Amino acid sequence: MAIIINLDVMMAMRKKGLTELAGEIDITLANLSILKNNKAKAVRLSTLNEICKALECQPGDILQYVEDEESPVDTDGE
């Protein structure tokens, strides 16, 4: 996956637990856990907005782009 969600890092920096943050942004604990553990396939902008408000951060503090590693190229034609 090329996008990494660093929600756990920001939560630790702000000393907020999963239950506390879930209550503040009105999201289920299960869905927030999926985001926190980098298992989400998508995130709504409205959810990202609420997370940023609650953690007093920017989207770039939570989302990080990392290039996928490419497979080695087979140079001998096999």
PDB file of N, CA and C in Angstrom:
ATOM      1  N   MET A   1       0.855  -1.189   0.000  1.00  0.00           N
ATOM      2  CA  MET A   1       0.000   0.000   0.000  1.00  0.00           C
ATOM      3  C   MET A   1       0.890   1.237   0.000  1.00  0.00           C
ATOM      4  N   ALA A   2       0.506   2.224  -0.780  1.00  0.00           N
ATOM      5  CA  ALA A   2       1.331   3.409  -0.930  1.00  0.00           C
ATOM      6  C   ALA A   2       0.983   4.517   0.067  1.00  0.00           C
ATOM      7  N   ILE A   3      -0.226   4.498   0.629  1.00  0.00           N
ATOM      8  CA  ILE A   3      -0.608   5.513   1.606  1.00  0.00           C
ATOM      9  C   ILE A   3      -0.595   4.880   2.993  1.00  0.00           C
ATOM     10  N   ILE A   4       0.157   5.470   3.891  1.00  0.00           N
ATOM     11  CA  ILE A   4       0.252   5.001   5.267  1.00  0.00           C
ATOM     12  C   ILE A   4      -0.525   5.961   6.157  1.00  0.00           C
ATOM     13  N   ILE A   5      -1.313   5.415   7.065  1.00  0.00           N
ATOM     14  CA  ILE A   5      -2.084   6.234   8.001  1.00  0.00           C
ATOM     15  C   ILE A   5      -1.376   6.199   9.344  1.00  0.00           C
ATOM     16  N   ASN A   6      -0.847   7.343   9.749  1.00  0.00           N
ATOM     17  CA  ASN A   6      -0.094   7.458  11.000  1.00  0.00           C
ATOM     18  C   ASN A   6      -0.961   7.986  12.136  1.00  0.00           C
ATOM     19  N   LEU A   7      -2.199   7.515  12.192  1.00  0.00           N
ATOM     20  CA  LEU A   7      -3.118   7.975  13.228  1.00  0.00           C
ATOM     21  C   LEU A   7      -2.618   7.612  14.620  1.00  0.00           C
ATOM     22  N   ASP A   8      -2.060   6.427  14.773  1.00  0.00           N
ATOM     23  CA  ASP A   8      -1.566   6.004  16.084  1.00  0.00           C
ATOM     24  C   ASP A   8      -0.467   6.931  16.600  1.00  0.00           C
ATOM     25  N   VAL A   9       0.374   7.420  15.701  1.00  0.00           N
ATOM     26  CA  VAL A   9       1.452   8.335  16.085  1.00  0.00           C
ATOM     27  C   VAL A   9       0.881   9.656  16.602  1.00  0.00           C
ATOM     28  N   MET A  10      -0.080  10.211  15.857  1.00  0.00           N
ATOM     29  CA  MET A  10      -0.683  11.480  16.273  1.00  0.00           C
ATOM     30  C   MET A  10      -1.469  11.322  17.566  1.00  0.00           C
ATOM     31  N   MET A  11      -2.150  10.199  17.723  1.00  0.00           N
ATOM     32  CA  MET A  11      -2.898   9.959  18.958  1.00  0.00           C
ATOM     33  C   MET A  11      -1.941   9.897  20.148  1.00  0.00           C
ATOM     34  N   ALA A  12      -0.823   9.251  19.976  1.00  0.00           N
ATOM     35  CA  ALA A  12       0.172   9.162  21.053  1.00  0.00           C
ATOM     36  C   ALA A  12       0.747  10.537  21.375  1.00  0.00           C
ATOM     37  N   MET A  13       1.025  11.324  20.329  1.00  0.00           N
ATOM     38  CA  MET A  13       1.575  12.663  20.549  1.00  0.00           C
ATOM     39  C   MET A  13       0.591  13.557  21.300  1.00  0.00           C
ATOM     40  N   ARG A  14      -0.696  13.366  21.034  1.00  0.00           N
ATOM     41  CA  ARG A  14      -1.741  14.184  21.683  1.00  0.00           C
ATOM     42  C   ARG A  14      -2.281  13.530  22.951  1.00  0.00           C
ATOM     43  N   LYS A  15      -1.746  12.341  23.280  1.00  0.00           N
ATOM     44  CA  LYS A  15      -2.158  11.590  24.467  1.00  0.00           C
ATOM     45  C   LYS A  15      -3.669  11.346  24.491  1.00  0.00           C
ATOM     46  N   LYS A  16      -4.184  10.880  23.343  1.00  0.00           N
ATOM     47  CA  LYS A  16      -5.610  10.555  23.227  1.00  0.00           C
ATOM     48  C   LYS A  16      -5.747   9.076  22.939  1.00  0.00           C
ATOM     49  N   GLY A  17      -6.636   8.443  23.644  1.00  0.00           N
ATOM     50  CA  GLY A  17      -6.907   7.031  23.425  1.00  0.00           C
ATOM     51  C   GLY A  17      -7.958   6.834  22.350  1.00  0.00           C
ATOM     52  N   LEU A  18      -8.085   5.600  21.921  1.00  0.00           N
ATOM     53  CA  LEU A  18      -9.025   5.240  20.868  1.00  0.00           C
ATOM     54  C   LEU A  18     -10.463   5.567  21.266  1.00  0.00           C
ATOM     55  N   THR A  19     -10.851   5.201  22.475  1.00  0.00           N
ATOM     56  CA  THR A  19     -12.222   5.433  22.936  1.00  0.00           C
ATOM     57  C   THR A  19     -12.526   6.923  23.031  1.00  0.00           C
ATOM     58  N   GLU A  20     -11.576   7.686  23.548  1.00  0.00           N
ATOM     59  CA  GLU A  20     -11.761   9.139  23.680  1.00  0.00           C
ATOM     60  C   GLU A  20     -11.932   9.795  22.314  1.00  0.00           C
ATOM     61  N   LEU A  21     -11.053   9.459  21.380  1.00  0.00           N
ATOM     62  CA  LEU A  21     -11.117  10.061  20.044  1.00  0.00           C
ATOM     63  C   LEU A  21     -12.388   9.633  19.314  1.00  0.00           C
ATOM     64  N   ALA A  22     -12.745   8.375  19.416  1.00  0.00           N
ATOM     65  CA  ALA A  22     -13.964   7.884  18.759  1.00  0.00           C
ATOM     66  C   ALA A  22     -15.184   8.657  19.249  1.00  0.00           C
ATOM     67  N   GLY A  23     -15.241   8.918  20.551  1.00  0.00           N
ATOM     68  CA  GLY A  23     -16.356   9.685  21.104  1.00  0.00           C
ATOM     69  C   GLY A  23     -16.375  11.119  20.623  1.00  0.00           C
ATOM     70  N   GLU A  24     -15.201  11.725  20.497  1.00  0.00           N
ATOM     71  CA  GLU A  24     -15.105  13.120  20.060  1.00  0.00           C
ATOM     72  C   GLU A  24     -15.528  13.311  18.610  1.00  0.00           C
ATOM     73  N   ILE A  25     -15.225  12.343  17.762  1.00  0.00           N
ATOM     74  CA  ILE A  25     -15.496  12.524  16.333  1.00  0.00           C
ATOM     75  C   ILE A  25     -16.711  11.735  15.858  1.00  0.00           C
ATOM     76  N   ASP A  26     -17.398  11.074  16.785  1.00  0.00           N
ATOM     77  CA  ASP A  26     -18.630  10.340  16.472  1.00  0.00           C
ATOM     78  C   ASP A  26     -18.414   9.289  15.391  1.00  0.00           C
ATOM     79  N   ILE A  27     -17.466   8.376  15.658  1.00  0.00           N
ATOM     80  CA  ILE A  27     -17.180   7.248  14.776  1.00  0.00           C
ATOM     81  C   ILE A  27     -17.132   6.008  15.662  1.00  0.00           C
ATOM     82  N   THR A  28     -17.469   4.872  15.107  1.00  0.00           N
ATOM     83  CA  THR A  28     -17.440   3.666  15.931  1.00  0.00           C
ATOM     84  C   THR A  28     -15.997   3.314  16.286  1.00  0.00           C
ATOM     85  N   LEU A  29     -15.856   2.678  17.429  1.00  0.00           N
ATOM     86  CA  LEU A  29     -14.540   2.243  17.880  1.00  0.00           C
ATOM     87  C   LEU A  29     -13.911   1.291  16.862  1.00  0.00           C
ATOM     88  N   ALA A  30     -14.742   0.417  16.288  1.00  0.00           N
ATOM     89  CA  ALA A  30     -14.245  -0.544  15.297  1.00  0.00           C
ATOM     90  C   ALA A  30     -13.697   0.164  14.057  1.00  0.00           C
ATOM     91  N   ASN A  31     -14.423   1.153  13.551  1.00  0.00           N
ATOM     92  CA  ASN A  31     -13.965   1.865  12.353  1.00  0.00           C
ATOM     93  C   ASN A  31     -12.718   2.690  12.629  1.00  0.00           C
ATOM     94  N   LEU A  32     -12.641   3.308  13.806  1.00  0.00           N
ATOM     95  CA  LEU A  32     -11.444   4.076  14.152  1.00  0.00           C
ATOM     96  C   LEU A  32     -10.246   3.137  14.312  1.00  0.00           C
ATOM     97  N   SER A  33     -10.479   1.968  14.867  1.00  0.00           N
ATOM     98  CA  SER A  33      -9.418   0.977  15.021  1.00  0.00           C
ATOM     99  C   SER A  33      -8.880   0.533  13.665  1.00  0.00           C
ATOM    100  N   ILE A  34      -9.763   0.366  12.699  1.00  0.00           N
ATOM    101  CA  ILE A  34      -9.353   0.000  11.334  1.00  0.00           C
ATOM    102  C   ILE A  34      -8.439   1.081  10.755  1.00  0.00           C
ATOM    103  N   LEU A  35      -8.801   2.338  10.960  1.00  0.00           N
ATOM    104  CA  LEU A  35      -7.947   3.440  10.498  1.00  0.00           C
ATOM    105  C   LEU A  35      -6.607   3.430  11.222  1.00  0.00           C
ATOM    106  N   LYS A  36      -6.673   3.303  12.541  1.00  0.00           N
ATOM    107  CA  LYS A  36      -5.466   3.354  13.379  1.00  0.00           C
ATOM    108  C   LYS A  36      -4.483   2.240  13.015  1.00  0.00           C
ATOM    109  N   ASN A  37      -5.006   1.078  12.677  1.00  0.00           N
ATOM    110  CA  ASN A  37      -4.145  -0.066  12.373  1.00  0.00           C
ATOM    111  C   ASN A  37      -3.792  -0.182  10.895  1.00  0.00           C
ATOM    112  N   ASN A  38      -4.068   0.895  10.152  1.00  0.00           N
ATOM    113  CA  ASN A  38      -3.688   0.988   8.734  1.00  0.00           C
ATOM    114  C   ASN A  38      -4.329  -0.110   7.880  1.00  0.00           C
ATOM    115  N   LYS A  39      -5.557  -0.482   8.226  1.00  0.00           N
ATOM    116  CA  LYS A  39      -6.268  -1.520   7.484  1.00  0.00           C
ATOM    117  C   LYS A  39      -7.359  -0.942   6.586  1.00  0.00           C
ATOM    118  N   ALA A  40      -7.567   0.363   6.631  1.00  0.00           N
ATOM    119  CA  ALA A  40      -8.640   1.005   5.871  1.00  0.00           C
ATOM    120  C   ALA A  40      -8.308   1.054   4.383  1.00  0.00           C
ATOM    121  N   LYS A  41      -9.317   0.863   3.568  1.00  0.00           N
ATOM    122  CA  LYS A  41      -9.172   0.990   2.113  1.00  0.00           C
ATOM    123  C   LYS A  41      -9.479   2.411   1.670  1.00  0.00           C
ATOM    124  N   ALA A  42     -10.230   3.149   2.501  1.00  0.00           N
ATOM    125  CA  ALA A  42     -10.621   4.520   2.168  1.00  0.00           C
ATOM    126  C   ALA A  42     -10.936   5.263   3.459  1.00  0.00           C
ATOM    127  N   VAL A  43     -10.924   6.587   3.374  1.00  0.00           N
ATOM    128  CA  VAL A  43     -11.324   7.416   4.507  1.00  0.00           C
ATOM    129  C   VAL A  43     -12.124   8.595   3.952  1.00  0.00           C
ATOM    130  N   ARG A  44     -13.240   8.864   4.554  1.00  0.00           N
ATOM    131  CA  ARG A  44     -14.051  10.005   4.117  1.00  0.00           C
ATOM    132  C   ARG A  44     -13.361  11.292   4.521  1.00  0.00           C
ATOM    133  N   LEU A  45     -13.476  12.290   3.653  1.00  0.00           N
ATOM    134  CA  LEU A  45     -12.875  13.586   3.967  1.00  0.00           C
ATOM    135  C   LEU A  45     -13.515  14.193   5.206  1.00  0.00           C
ATOM    136  N   SER A  46     -14.792  13.952   5.413  1.00  0.00           N
ATOM    137  CA  SER A  46     -15.453  14.480   6.614  1.00  0.00           C
ATOM    138  C   SER A  46     -14.873  13.832   7.871  1.00  0.00           C
ATOM    139  N   THR A  47     -14.536  12.552   7.798  1.00  0.00           N
ATOM    140  CA  THR A  47     -13.912  11.858   8.937  1.00  0.00           C
ATOM    141  C   THR A  47     -12.506  12.403   9.164  1.00  0.00           C
ATOM    142  N   LEU A  48     -11.752  12.577   8.089  1.00  0.00           N
ATOM    143  CA  LEU A  48     -10.409  13.136   8.196  1.00  0.00           C
ATOM    144  C   LEU A  48     -10.460  14.536   8.794  1.00  0.00           C
ATOM    145  N   ASN A  49     -11.443  15.313   8.389  1.00  0.00           N
ATOM    146  CA  ASN A  49     -11.633  16.657   8.919  1.00  0.00           C
ATOM    147  C   ASN A  49     -11.856  16.614  10.433  1.00  0.00           C
ATOM    148  N   GLU A  50     -12.724  15.727  10.884  1.00  0.00           N
ATOM    149  CA  GLU A  50     -13.017  15.615  12.318  1.00  0.00           C
ATOM    150  C   GLU A  50     -11.804  15.126  13.102  1.00  0.00           C
ATOM    151  N   ILE A  51     -11.055  14.199  12.537  1.00  0.00           N
ATOM    152  CA  ILE A  51      -9.836  13.708  13.196  1.00  0.00           C
ATOM    153  C   ILE A  51      -8.832  14.852  13.348  1.00  0.00           C
ATOM    154  N   CYS A  52      -8.639  15.618  12.281  1.00  0.00           N
ATOM    155  CA  CYS A  52      -7.694  16.738  12.330  1.00  0.00           C
ATOM    156  C   CYS A  52      -8.126  17.792  13.349  1.00  0.00           C
ATOM    157  N   LYS A  53      -9.429  18.047  13.425  1.00  0.00           N
ATOM    158  CA  LYS A  53      -9.938  19.000  14.419  1.00  0.00           C
ATOM    159  C   LYS A  53      -9.660  18.505  15.830  1.00  0.00           C
ATOM    160  N   ALA A  54      -9.975  17.251  16.085  1.00  0.00           N
ATOM    161  CA  ALA A  54      -9.824  16.678  17.425  1.00  0.00           C
ATOM    162  C   ALA A  54      -8.363  16.573  17.851  1.00  0.00           C
ATOM    163  N   LEU A  55      -7.475  16.273  16.891  1.00  0.00           N
ATOM    164  CA  LEU A  55      -6.052  16.107  17.220  1.00  0.00           C
ATOM    165  C   LEU A  55      -5.237  17.375  16.967  1.00  0.00           C
ATOM    166  N   GLU A  56      -5.926  18.430  16.484  1.00  0.00           N
ATOM    167  CA  GLU A  56      -5.259  19.698  16.178  1.00  0.00           C
ATOM    168  C   GLU A  56      -4.025  19.475  15.307  1.00  0.00           C
ATOM    169  N   CYS A  57      -4.282  18.891  14.138  1.00  0.00           N
ATOM    170  CA  CYS A  57      -3.193  18.589  13.215  1.00  0.00           C
ATOM    171  C   CYS A  57      -3.647  18.809  11.780  1.00  0.00           C
ATOM    172  N   GLN A  58      -2.754  18.605  10.858  1.00  0.00           N
ATOM    173  CA  GLN A  58      -3.023  18.717   9.429  1.00  0.00           C
ATOM    174  C   GLN A  58      -3.174  17.309   8.839  1.00  0.00           C
ATOM    175  N   PRO A  59      -3.891  17.159   7.733  1.00  0.00           N
ATOM    176  CA  PRO A  59      -4.009  15.842   7.105  1.00  0.00           C
ATOM    177  C   PRO A  59      -2.650  15.195   6.808  1.00  0.00           C
ATOM    178  N   GLY A  60      -1.675  16.007   6.451  1.00  0.00           N
ATOM    179  CA  GLY A  60      -0.336  15.496   6.172  1.00  0.00           C
ATOM    180  C   GLY A  60       0.376  14.944   7.393  1.00  0.00           C
ATOM    181  N   ASP A  61      -0.115  15.293   8.584  1.00  0.00           N
ATOM    182  CA  ASP A  61       0.447  14.717   9.810  1.00  0.00           C
ATOM    183  C   ASP A  61      -0.029  13.279   9.989  1.00  0.00           C
ATOM    184  N   ILE A  62      -1.134  12.941   9.347  1.00  0.00           N
ATOM    185  CA  ILE A  62      -1.740  11.617   9.501  1.00  0.00           C
ATOM    186  C   ILE A  62      -1.481  10.732   8.284  1.00  0.00           C
ATOM    187  N   LEU A  63      -1.557  11.317   7.093  1.00  0.00           N
ATOM    188  CA  LEU A  63      -1.394  10.550   5.862  1.00  0.00           C
ATOM    189  C   LEU A  63       0.013  10.720   5.299  1.00  0.00           C
ATOM    190  N   GLN A  64       0.602   9.613   4.885  1.00  0.00           N
ATOM    191  CA  GLN A  64       1.960   9.638   4.342  1.00  0.00           C
ATOM    192  C   GLN A  64       2.002   8.774   3.092  1.00  0.00           C
ATOM    193  N   TYR A  65       2.604   9.299   2.029  1.00  0.00           N
ATOM    194  CA  TYR A  65       2.771   8.540   0.795  1.00  0.00           C
ATOM    195  C   TYR A  65       4.140   7.861   0.808  1.00  0.00           C
ATOM    196  N   VAL A  66       4.136   6.552   0.560  1.00  0.00           N
ATOM    197  CA  VAL A  66       5.377   5.785   0.478  1.00  0.00           C
ATOM    198  C   VAL A  66       5.321   4.987  -0.818  1.00  0.00           C
ATOM    199  N   GLU A  67       6.348   5.117  -1.638  1.00  0.00           N
ATOM    200  CA  GLU A  67       6.375   4.380  -2.904  1.00  0.00           C
ATOM    201  C   GLU A  67       6.438   2.890  -2.645  1.00  0.00           C
ATOM    202  N   ASP A  68       5.676   2.134  -3.459  1.00  0.00           N
ATOM    203  CA  ASP A  68       5.745   0.675  -3.387  1.00  0.00           C
ATOM    204  C   ASP A  68       7.092   0.230  -3.924  1.00  0.00           C
ATOM    205  N   GLU A  69       7.610  -0.830  -3.330  1.00  0.00           N
ATOM    206  CA  GLU A  69       8.860  -1.372  -3.849  1.00  0.00           C
ATOM    207  C   GLU A  69       8.546  -2.137  -5.118  1.00  0.00           C
ATOM    208  N   GLU A  70       9.354  -1.921  -6.137  1.00  0.00           N
ATOM    209  CA  GLU A  70       9.135  -2.599  -7.414  1.00  0.00           C
ATOM    210  C   GLU A  70       9.810  -3.956  -7.398  1.00  0.00           C
ATOM    211  N   SER A  71       9.243  -4.869  -8.174  1.00  0.00           N
ATOM    212  CA  SER A  71       9.844  -6.193  -8.318  1.00  0.00           C
ATOM    213  C   SER A  71      11.137  -6.065  -9.103  1.00  0.00           C
ATOM    214  N   PRO A  72      12.114  -6.901  -8.782  1.00  0.00           N
ATOM    215  CA  PRO A  72      13.361  -6.861  -9.562  1.00  0.00           C
ATOM    216  C   PRO A  72      13.078  -7.185 -11.027  1.00  0.00           C
ATOM    217  N   VAL A  73      13.761  -6.540 -11.910  1.00  0.00           N
ATOM    218  CA  VAL A  73      13.576  -6.757 -13.352  1.00  0.00           C
ATOM    219  C   VAL A  73      14.412  -7.961 -13.777  1.00  0.00           C
ATOM    220  N   ASP A  74      13.773  -8.855 -14.520  1.00  0.00           N
ATOM    221  CA  ASP A  74      14.468 -10.037 -15.039  1.00  0.00           C
ATOM    222  C   ASP A  74      15.215  -9.621 -16.298  1.00  0.00           C
ATOM    223  N   THR A  75      16.535  -9.564 -16.237  1.00  0.00           N
ATOM    224  CA  THR A  75      17.323  -9.059 -17.357  1.00  0.00           C
ATOM    225  C   THR A  75      17.762 -10.125 -18.338  1.00  0.00           C
ATOM    226  N   ASP A  76      17.596 -11.420 -17.993  1.00  0.00           N
ATOM    227  CA  ASP A  76      18.061 -12.436 -18.924  1.00  0.00           C
ATOM    228  C   ASP A  76      16.916 -13.017 -19.769  1.00  0.00           C
ATOM    229  N   GLY A  77      15.757 -12.396 -19.752  1.00  0.00           N
ATOM    230  CA  GLY A  77      14.665 -12.755 -20.641  1.00  0.00           C
ATOM    231  C   GLY A  77      13.872 -13.979 -20.229  1.00  0.00           C
ATOM    232  N   GLU A  78      14.052 -14.504 -19.049  1.00  0.00           N
ATOM    233  CA  GLU A  78      13.299 -15.696 -18.620  1.00  0.00           C
ATOM    234  C   GLU A  78      12.065 -15.338 -17.872  1.00  0.00           C
TER     235      GLU A  78
END
